[in-house]
Amino acid sequence: MPTNGHSISERIARSLPTLTPAHRRMAEYVLANLFRAATMRIDEFAAAVEVSVATANRFARALGFDGYPQFRAELVRGYEATLAPVERLRSELERPATAAEVFAASLEDAAANAEATRRGIDAAACERAVSAILGAQRVYVAGFGASGFLAGLLQHGLEMHCRMVTSVAGAGGASHAARQLFKLQPSDLLIVIAFPRYVADSVELAQRAKAHGGQLLALTDGPTSPLAPIADIALYAQAANRLSANSDATVLALIEALCGAVAHRAERPVKAAAEMTEFLLPWLYGAAGVERAQRADRANRTELAAHDDAAQPIEAKAGATRRRSPHTQKS
């Protein structure tokens, strides 16, 4: 039943004077916990307010709804994107499955997402993204929530081939990120990673950075993303998942593809990779052992050479003494 232009909270508040004490208690619970109430089945709601399921149904009808399902649908309105992972999880958990079946389903989701992302690749956007990264004076990478971890991986993948790459998704939070992005210049690039459920800080920082004159590359889920209208370039990844908000595996695959394309286009990528690998040798497990063995071998050779140098004068002196010895002459 429509709310006649009023939000559900307004509707409940307007009905309070006409409600019974039990219904009023339920109304007050909903008003204080709108999001939580939207996630509850009727039995969960009734238990939380300590009433019967029948009373919960009568409460919904007292507000003018046909029953609790219609009342809850109205509560959910506006929270659809936020609640979608919760509803998917609820549906999946209601079906029995073995651990192996859950593994298989998750991997099937990842494979389907990767294939959908591959089919949806925009060739022009890919070219522009790579050119923007390699042409930028400085590259900033931003993401909050789970995207913060992905931002760190993107920074790690790009730093070998860019002049400077900075992740602003650190422990300082959005305010620290804003302080860093205040220095953004038109020659710089900001890459923002945001997937449902979108974090408001990511969108706000992207808007401010764009207004400040920087270029914006968005890694997000599609044209309906709040980042899409403000981005100069957008790359999309299909990231649906049955048991969580997003499939980070698909986003990571897109990040790896972007870093691979940047490496392919960069100047002297093999030389850069070799130099970085050589620099990192002391921290690489297998290579570190080889390098330690080589250092030990060099040290041993140096020690033996020094020992030989010290021994030579003594041997020469002993030889001279033997030559001067009468016993040596007689013999």
Protein backbone atom coordinates (compact mmCIF):
# COMPACT_ATOMS: atom_id res chain seq x y z
CA MET A 1 0.00 0.00 0.00
CA PRO A 2 1.49 3.41 -0.87
CA THR A 3 2.59 5.77 1.85
CA ASN A 4 0.87 8.81 0.27
CA GLY A 5 4.13 10.71 -0.01
CA HIS A 6 5.19 10.12 3.59
CA SER A 7 8.24 8.08 4.60
CA ILE A 8 7.61 4.98 6.69
CA SER A 9 8.99 6.71 9.80
CA GLU A 10 6.64 9.68 9.28
CA ARG A 11 3.76 7.33 8.77
CA ILE A 12 4.48 5.46 12.00
CA ALA A 13 4.91 8.71 13.94
CA ARG A 14 1.56 10.05 12.66
CA SER A 15 -0.14 6.81 13.73
CA LEU A 16 1.26 6.73 17.29
CA PRO A 17 -1.70 8.43 19.02
CA THR A 18 -4.14 5.82 17.65
CA LEU A 19 -2.06 2.73 18.47
CA THR A 20 -2.59 0.34 21.37
CA PRO A 21 0.16 0.20 24.03
CA ALA A 22 1.63 -2.98 22.51
CA HIS A 23 1.57 -1.53 19.00
CA ARG A 24 3.04 1.74 20.29
CA ARG A 25 5.96 -0.21 21.80
CA MET A 26 6.51 -1.88 18.43
CA ALA A 27 6.33 1.46 16.63
CA GLU A 28 8.92 2.97 18.96
CA TYR A 29 11.24 0.01 18.36
CA VAL A 30 10.96 0.45 14.58
CA LEU A 31 11.57 4.20 14.76
CA ALA A 32 14.68 3.63 16.87
CA ASN A 33 15.95 0.76 14.69
CA LEU A 34 14.74 1.36 11.13
CA PHE A 35 17.57 -0.50 9.42
CA ARG A 36 17.55 -3.41 11.86
CA ALA A 37 13.79 -3.78 11.58
CA ALA A 38 14.07 -3.85 7.79
CA THR A 39 16.33 -6.92 8.03
CA MET A 40 14.00 -8.91 10.34
CA ARG A 41 11.53 -11.63 9.51
CA ILE A 42 8.22 -11.38 11.35
CA ASP A 43 9.23 -13.95 13.98
CA GLU A 44 12.51 -12.11 14.64
CA PHE A 45 10.70 -8.79 14.95
CA ALA A 46 8.07 -10.27 17.30
CA ALA A 47 10.79 -11.81 19.49
CA ALA A 48 12.76 -8.55 19.65
CA VAL A 49 9.70 -6.63 20.88
CA GLU A 50 8.42 -9.58 22.97
CA VAL A 51 5.04 -9.94 21.28
CA SER A 52 3.40 -12.73 19.30
CA VAL A 53 3.65 -13.11 15.53
CA ALA A 54 -0.10 -12.43 15.33
CA THR A 55 0.40 -9.13 17.18
CA ALA A 56 3.16 -8.16 14.76
CA ASN A 57 0.79 -8.80 11.85
CA ARG A 58 -1.96 -6.74 13.51
CA PHE A 59 0.56 -3.91 14.04
CA ALA A 60 1.28 -3.83 10.30
CA ARG A 61 -2.46 -3.76 9.53
CA ALA A 62 -2.95 -0.96 12.09
CA LEU A 63 -0.55 1.12 9.99
CA GLY A 64 -2.67 0.47 6.90
CA PHE A 65 -0.70 -2.38 5.32
CA ASP A 66 -2.17 -5.70 4.18
CA GLY A 67 0.21 -7.54 6.49
CA TYR A 68 3.78 -7.74 7.74
CA PRO A 69 5.37 -8.61 4.33
CA GLN A 70 4.04 -5.37 2.83
CA PHE A 71 5.14 -3.41 5.91
CA ARG A 72 8.67 -4.84 5.71
CA ALA A 73 8.85 -4.18 1.97
CA GLU A 74 8.16 -0.52 2.73
CA LEU A 75 10.87 -0.53 5.39
CA VAL A 76 13.35 -1.97 2.91
CA ARG A 77 12.60 0.70 0.31
CA GLY A 78 15.64 2.97 0.13
CA TYR A 79 17.88 0.30 1.64
CA GLU A 80 17.70 -2.07 -1.34
CA ALA A 81 21.35 -1.86 -2.36
CA THR A 82 22.54 -1.91 1.23
CA LEU A 83 20.35 -4.85 2.21
CA ALA A 84 20.85 -6.91 -0.94
CA PRO A 85 23.85 -8.86 0.43
CA VAL A 86 21.93 -9.57 3.66
CA GLU A 87 18.93 -10.88 1.73
CA ARG A 88 21.13 -13.02 -0.53
CA LEU A 89 22.89 -14.45 2.51
CA ARG A 90 19.57 -15.16 4.21
CA SER A 91 18.30 -17.01 1.14
CA GLU A 92 21.50 -19.03 0.77
CA LEU A 93 21.59 -20.02 4.43
CA GLU A 94 18.03 -21.31 4.26
CA ARG A 95 19.19 -23.96 1.78
CA PRO A 96 21.28 -26.85 3.14
CA ALA A 97 24.70 -27.27 1.56
CA THR A 98 28.00 -28.96 2.29
CA ALA A 99 31.24 -27.00 2.64
CA ALA A 100 32.39 -28.39 -0.70
CA GLU A 101 29.19 -27.16 -2.37
CA VAL A 102 29.72 -23.68 -0.92
CA PHE A 103 33.31 -23.73 -2.22
CA ALA A 104 32.10 -24.73 -5.67
CA ALA A 105 29.35 -22.10 -5.73
CA SER A 106 31.77 -19.36 -4.73
CA LEU A 107 34.26 -20.36 -7.40
CA GLU A 108 31.46 -20.54 -9.98
CA ASP A 109 30.42 -17.00 -9.03
CA ALA A 110 34.01 -15.79 -9.45
CA ALA A 111 34.35 -17.46 -12.85
CA ALA A 112 31.01 -16.07 -14.07
CA ASN A 113 31.91 -12.58 -12.85
CA ALA A 114 35.30 -12.71 -14.55
CA GLU A 115 33.76 -13.79 -17.85
CA ALA A 116 31.06 -11.09 -17.65
CA THR A 117 33.74 -8.49 -16.89
CA ARG A 118 35.85 -9.68 -19.83
CA ARG A 119 32.88 -9.46 -22.21
CA GLY A 120 32.05 -5.96 -21.00
CA ILE A 121 35.55 -4.51 -21.41
CA ASP A 122 35.52 -1.14 -23.17
CA ALA A 123 38.64 -1.05 -25.36
CA ALA A 124 38.72 2.75 -25.57
CA ALA A 125 38.40 3.10 -21.80
CA CYS A 126 41.27 0.64 -21.31
CA GLU A 127 43.53 2.65 -23.63
CA ARG A 128 42.62 5.91 -21.90
CA ALA A 129 43.18 4.43 -18.45
CA VAL A 130 46.68 3.18 -19.30
CA SER A 131 47.62 6.47 -20.97
CA ALA A 132 46.32 8.47 -18.00
CA ILE A 133 48.34 6.39 -15.52
CA LEU A 134 51.59 6.58 -17.46
CA GLY A 135 51.09 10.25 -18.29
CA ALA A 136 50.32 11.42 -14.77
CA GLN A 137 52.91 13.25 -12.72
CA ARG A 138 51.55 11.62 -9.57
CA VAL A 139 49.00 8.83 -9.14
CA TYR A 140 46.83 8.69 -6.03
CA VAL A 141 44.83 5.55 -5.20
CA ALA A 142 41.79 5.74 -2.89
CA GLY A 143 39.35 3.23 -1.50
CA PHE A 144 37.64 2.63 1.82
CA GLY A 145 36.17 -0.44 3.47
CA ALA A 146 37.17 -3.59 1.60
CA SER A 147 38.27 -1.40 -1.31
CA GLY A 148 41.04 -0.03 0.91
CA PHE A 149 42.85 -3.37 0.74
CA LEU A 150 42.39 -3.47 -3.03
CA ALA A 151 43.80 0.06 -3.27
CA GLY A 152 47.00 -1.14 -1.62
CA LEU A 153 47.32 -3.95 -4.16
CA LEU A 154 46.78 -1.51 -7.03
CA GLN A 155 49.49 0.77 -5.64
CA HIS A 156 51.82 -2.23 -5.34
CA GLY A 157 51.19 -3.20 -8.97
CA LEU A 158 51.71 0.28 -10.41
CA GLU A 159 54.65 1.66 -8.45
CA MET A 160 57.34 -0.01 -10.61
CA HIS A 161 56.14 1.81 -13.72
CA CYS A 162 54.98 5.23 -12.42
CA ARG A 163 56.86 8.29 -11.24
CA MET A 164 55.01 8.29 -7.93
CA VAL A 165 52.08 6.26 -6.65
CA THR A 166 50.50 7.05 -3.29
CA SER A 167 47.71 5.16 -1.55
CA VAL A 168 45.47 7.48 0.46
CA ALA A 169 43.50 4.56 1.91
CA GLY A 170 45.59 4.40 5.07
CA ALA A 171 44.91 4.35 8.79
CA GLY A 172 44.28 8.10 8.89
CA GLY A 173 40.87 7.65 7.26
CA ALA A 174 39.02 10.06 5.01
CA SER A 175 40.31 13.25 6.62
CA HIS A 176 43.93 12.19 6.10
CA ALA A 177 43.12 11.23 2.50
CA ALA A 178 41.57 14.67 1.96
CA ARG A 179 44.74 16.35 3.27
CA GLN A 180 46.82 14.43 0.74
CA LEU A 181 44.43 15.07 -2.13
CA PHE A 182 44.46 18.80 -1.37
CA LYS A 183 47.81 18.81 -3.25
CA LEU A 184 46.22 17.28 -6.36
CA GLN A 185 47.18 19.06 -9.60
CA PRO A 186 45.66 18.84 -13.12
CA SER A 187 48.70 16.74 -14.11
CA ASP A 188 47.86 14.17 -11.40
CA LEU A 189 45.48 11.20 -11.51
CA LEU A 190 43.20 9.91 -8.75
CA ILE A 191 42.06 6.29 -9.01
CA VAL A 192 39.05 5.53 -6.81
CA ILE A 193 37.84 1.98 -6.13
CA ALA A 194 34.21 1.69 -4.99
CA PHE A 195 31.73 -1.18 -5.18
CA PRO A 196 28.36 -1.76 -3.56
CA ARG A 197 27.88 -1.05 -0.82
CA TYR A 198 29.46 2.27 -1.78
CA VAL A 199 31.29 4.11 0.99
CA ALA A 200 30.19 7.74 1.10
CA ASP A 201 33.76 8.92 1.83
CA SER A 202 34.97 7.50 -1.49
CA VAL A 203 32.32 9.39 -3.45
CA GLU A 204 32.84 12.62 -1.50
CA LEU A 205 36.62 12.56 -2.00
CA ALA A 206 36.20 11.82 -5.71
CA GLN A 207 33.88 14.80 -6.09
CA ARG A 208 36.23 17.13 -4.24
CA ALA A 209 39.29 15.92 -6.14
CA LYS A 210 37.49 16.39 -9.46
CA ALA A 211 36.47 19.92 -8.45
CA HIS A 212 40.11 20.56 -7.49
CA GLY A 213 41.17 19.92 -11.09
CA GLY A 214 42.57 16.38 -11.03
CA GLN A 215 41.74 13.55 -13.42
CA LEU A 216 39.55 10.76 -12.07
CA LEU A 217 39.71 7.06 -12.99
CA ALA A 218 36.99 4.96 -11.35
CA LEU A 219 37.10 1.21 -10.81
CA THR A 220 33.51 0.34 -9.99
CA ASP A 221 30.63 -1.97 -10.86
CA GLY A 222 28.72 -0.18 -13.62
CA PRO A 223 27.20 3.00 -15.05
CA THR A 224 24.74 3.22 -12.14
CA SER A 225 27.61 3.66 -9.67
CA PRO A 226 27.72 7.13 -8.06
CA LEU A 227 31.30 7.41 -9.34
CA ALA A 228 30.41 6.86 -13.00
CA PRO A 229 28.94 10.34 -13.76
CA ILE A 230 31.93 12.22 -12.31
CA ALA A 231 34.75 9.99 -13.60
CA ASP A 232 36.85 10.96 -16.62
CA ILE A 233 37.45 7.25 -17.22
CA ALA A 234 35.62 4.26 -15.75
CA LEU A 235 36.48 0.56 -15.78
CA TYR A 236 33.74 -1.82 -14.65
CA ALA A 237 33.93 -5.19 -12.91
CA GLN A 238 31.02 -7.55 -12.33
CA ALA A 239 31.26 -8.33 -8.61
CA ALA A 240 28.10 -10.17 -7.50
CA ASN A 241 28.45 -12.73 -4.73
CA ARG A 242 25.90 -14.94 -3.02
CA LEU A 243 27.47 -14.95 0.43
CA SER A 244 29.05 -11.50 0.74
CA ALA A 245 28.60 -7.95 -0.48
CA ASN A 246 31.00 -8.30 -3.42
CA SER A 247 33.35 -10.66 -5.19
CA ASP A 248 36.71 -9.05 -4.51
CA ALA A 249 38.32 -11.71 -6.71
CA THR A 250 36.86 -10.10 -9.84
CA VAL A 251 37.97 -6.62 -8.78
CA LEU A 252 41.46 -7.95 -8.11
CA ALA A 253 41.47 -9.58 -11.56
CA LEU A 254 40.60 -6.19 -13.10
CA ILE A 255 43.38 -4.55 -11.08
CA GLU A 256 45.88 -7.16 -12.27
CA ALA A 257 44.74 -6.66 -15.87
CA LEU A 258 45.19 -2.89 -15.55
CA CYS A 259 48.67 -3.27 -14.03
CA GLY A 260 49.60 -5.75 -16.76
CA ALA A 261 48.52 -3.32 -19.48
CA VAL A 262 50.51 -0.52 -17.82
CA ALA A 263 53.61 -2.74 -17.64
CA HIS A 264 53.22 -3.68 -21.31
CA ARG A 265 53.04 -0.02 -22.35
CA ALA A 266 55.68 1.32 -19.95
CA GLU A 267 59.19 2.22 -21.05
CA ARG A 268 61.85 -0.45 -20.35
CA PRO A 269 59.57 -2.68 -18.22
CA VAL A 270 62.01 -5.62 -18.29
CA LYS A 271 64.90 -3.45 -17.13
CA ALA A 272 62.75 -1.99 -14.36
CA ALA A 273 61.60 -5.45 -13.26
CA ALA A 274 65.15 -6.79 -13.23
CA GLU A 275 66.48 -3.82 -11.26
CA MET A 276 63.71 -4.06 -8.69
CA THR A 277 64.20 -7.82 -8.35
CA GLU A 278 67.92 -7.32 -7.79
CA PHE A 279 67.20 -4.68 -5.16
CA LEU A 280 64.74 -7.00 -3.38
CA LEU A 281 67.03 -10.06 -3.38
CA PRO A 282 67.91 -9.83 0.36
CA TRP A 283 64.19 -10.09 1.22
CA LEU A 284 63.33 -12.96 -1.14
CA TYR A 285 63.44 -16.35 0.55
CA GLY A 286 65.10 -18.54 -2.07
CA ALA A 287 67.18 -15.76 -3.59
CA ALA A 288 68.30 -14.60 -0.16
CA GLY A 289 69.82 -18.03 0.49
CA VAL A 290 71.68 -17.93 -2.83
CA GLU A 291 72.96 -14.42 -2.13
CA ARG A 292 74.12 -15.40 1.37
CA ALA A 293 75.96 -18.41 -0.10
CA GLN A 294 77.61 -16.15 -2.69
CA ARG A 295 78.65 -13.67 0.01
CA ALA A 296 80.07 -16.51 2.14
CA ASP A 297 81.96 -17.90 -0.87
CA ARG A 298 83.44 -14.46 -1.62
CA ALA A 299 84.43 -14.07 2.02
CA ASN A 300 86.08 -17.49 2.04
CA ARG A 301 88.01 -16.71 -1.13
CA THR A 302 89.18 -13.41 0.34
CA GLU A 303 90.27 -15.10 3.56
CA LEU A 304 92.18 -17.81 1.67
CA ALA A 305 93.87 -15.22 -0.51
CA ALA A 306 94.91 -13.22 2.56
CA HIS A 307 96.24 -16.41 4.20
CA ASP A 308 98.26 -17.28 1.07
CA ASP A 309 99.71 -13.76 0.91
CA ALA A 310 100.79 -13.98 4.56
CA ALA A 311 102.26 -17.44 4.15
CA GLN A 312 104.44 -16.64 1.10
CA PRO A 313 107.20 -14.58 2.88
CA ILE A 314 107.58 -17.28 5.56
CA GLU A 315 107.99 -20.01 2.97
CA ALA A 316 110.46 -17.88 1.04
CA LYS A 317 112.51 -17.26 4.20
CA ALA A 318 112.50 -20.97 5.05
CA GLY A 319 113.75 -21.77 1.57
CA ALA A 320 116.60 -19.27 1.89
CA THR A 321 117.63 -20.75 5.25
CA ARG A 322 117.72 -24.23 3.78
CA ARG A 323 119.96 -23.00 0.96
CA ARG A 324 122.44 -21.49 3.47
CA SER A 325 122.46 -24.53 5.79
CA PRO A 326 125.77 -26.56 5.80
CA HIS A 327 123.83 -29.71 6.02
CA THR A 328 121.98 -28.68 2.91
CA GLN A 329 125.30 -27.87 1.14
CA LYS A 330 126.88 -31.18 2.13
CA SER A 331 123.99 -33.07 0.86
